Amino acid sequence: MMFLFVVGLIWIIFVNVTGVIVADSVQSTAQATDMTPFYWLVSIVGGSIIATLVYVGWKKYRAEHKKQEKDHNS
């Protein structure tokens, strides 16, 4: 959860800085950065999915490992 909070803050800061840069830049630079929010959205959603899969995989690994130890000790 903290990871998503930090990513959100970085995204907000980046969008504000990008807005200032685009406002001060030439028109061609503004056209080049039109896809920037889309890339950030893809990065945040993809990162969230990856983080969730890693977490679930780790929990599954730990549960299976504990079950094997319990079966082995019984």
Protein backbone atom coordinates (compact mmCIF):
# COMPACT_ATOMS: atom_id res chain seq x y z
CA MET A 1 0.00 0.00 0.00
CA MET A 2 2.85 2.34 0.82
CA PHE A 3 4.37 1.53 -2.58
CA LEU A 4 1.27 2.80 -4.37
CA PHE A 5 1.29 5.96 -2.26
CA VAL A 6 4.90 6.71 -3.19
CA VAL A 7 4.26 5.99 -6.88
CA GLY A 8 1.22 8.28 -6.79
CA LEU A 9 3.26 11.11 -5.27
CA ILE A 10 6.00 10.70 -7.84
CA TRP A 11 3.40 10.72 -10.59
CA ILE A 12 1.76 13.90 -9.30
CA ILE A 13 5.13 15.66 -9.07
CA PHE A 14 6.15 14.48 -12.53
CA VAL A 15 2.87 15.64 -14.11
CA ASN A 16 3.25 19.08 -12.52
CA VAL A 17 6.85 19.42 -13.71
CA THR A 18 5.94 18.14 -17.18
CA GLY A 19 3.14 20.69 -17.39
CA VAL A 20 5.58 23.51 -16.67
CA ILE A 21 8.10 22.18 -19.19
CA VAL A 22 5.46 21.76 -21.88
CA ALA A 23 4.10 25.26 -21.28
CA ASP A 24 7.58 26.74 -21.72
CA SER A 25 8.61 24.53 -24.65
CA VAL A 26 8.01 24.73 -28.36
CA GLN A 27 4.93 23.11 -29.91
CA SER A 28 6.82 20.05 -31.21
CA THR A 29 7.96 19.15 -27.68
CA ALA A 30 4.39 19.45 -26.43
CA GLN A 31 3.23 17.02 -29.10
CA ALA A 32 5.98 14.57 -28.13
CA THR A 33 4.83 14.49 -24.48
CA ASP A 34 1.15 13.92 -25.20
CA MET A 35 1.52 10.20 -24.46
CA THR A 36 3.35 10.74 -21.15
CA PRO A 37 0.26 10.34 -18.90
CA PHE A 38 -0.64 7.14 -20.74
CA TYR A 39 2.81 5.68 -20.10
CA TRP A 40 2.55 6.60 -16.43
CA LEU A 41 -0.85 4.97 -16.22
CA VAL A 42 0.47 1.79 -17.83
CA SER A 43 3.48 1.82 -15.48
CA ILE A 44 1.37 2.27 -12.36
CA VAL A 45 -1.20 -0.37 -13.31
CA GLY A 46 1.49 -2.80 -14.48
CA GLY A 47 3.55 -2.18 -11.35
CA SER A 48 0.51 -2.81 -9.16
CA ILE A 49 -0.23 -6.07 -10.95
CA ILE A 50 3.39 -7.21 -10.66
CA ALA A 51 3.54 -6.25 -6.97
CA THR A 52 0.33 -8.19 -6.30
CA LEU A 53 1.57 -11.28 -8.13
CA VAL A 54 4.89 -11.21 -6.26
CA TYR A 55 3.07 -10.86 -2.92
CA VAL A 56 0.65 -13.72 -3.65
CA GLY A 57 3.47 -15.92 -4.92
CA TRP A 58 5.52 -15.27 -1.80
CA LYS A 59 2.57 -16.06 0.48
CA LYS A 60 1.91 -19.29 -1.44
CA TYR A 61 5.58 -20.28 -1.24
CA ARG A 62 5.67 -19.65 2.51
CA ALA A 63 2.47 -21.63 3.10
CA GLU A 64 3.70 -24.61 1.07
CA HIS A 65 7.07 -24.50 2.80
CA LYS A 66 5.43 -24.49 6.26
CA LYS A 67 3.11 -27.33 5.23
CA GLN A 68 6.06 -29.45 4.05
CA GLU A 69 7.91 -28.82 7.30
CA LYS A 70 4.82 -29.73 9.32
CA ASP A 71 4.30 -32.93 7.31
CA HIS A 72 7.98 -33.81 7.56
CA ASN A 73 8.05 -33.29 11.36
CA SER A 74 4.84 -35.26 11.99
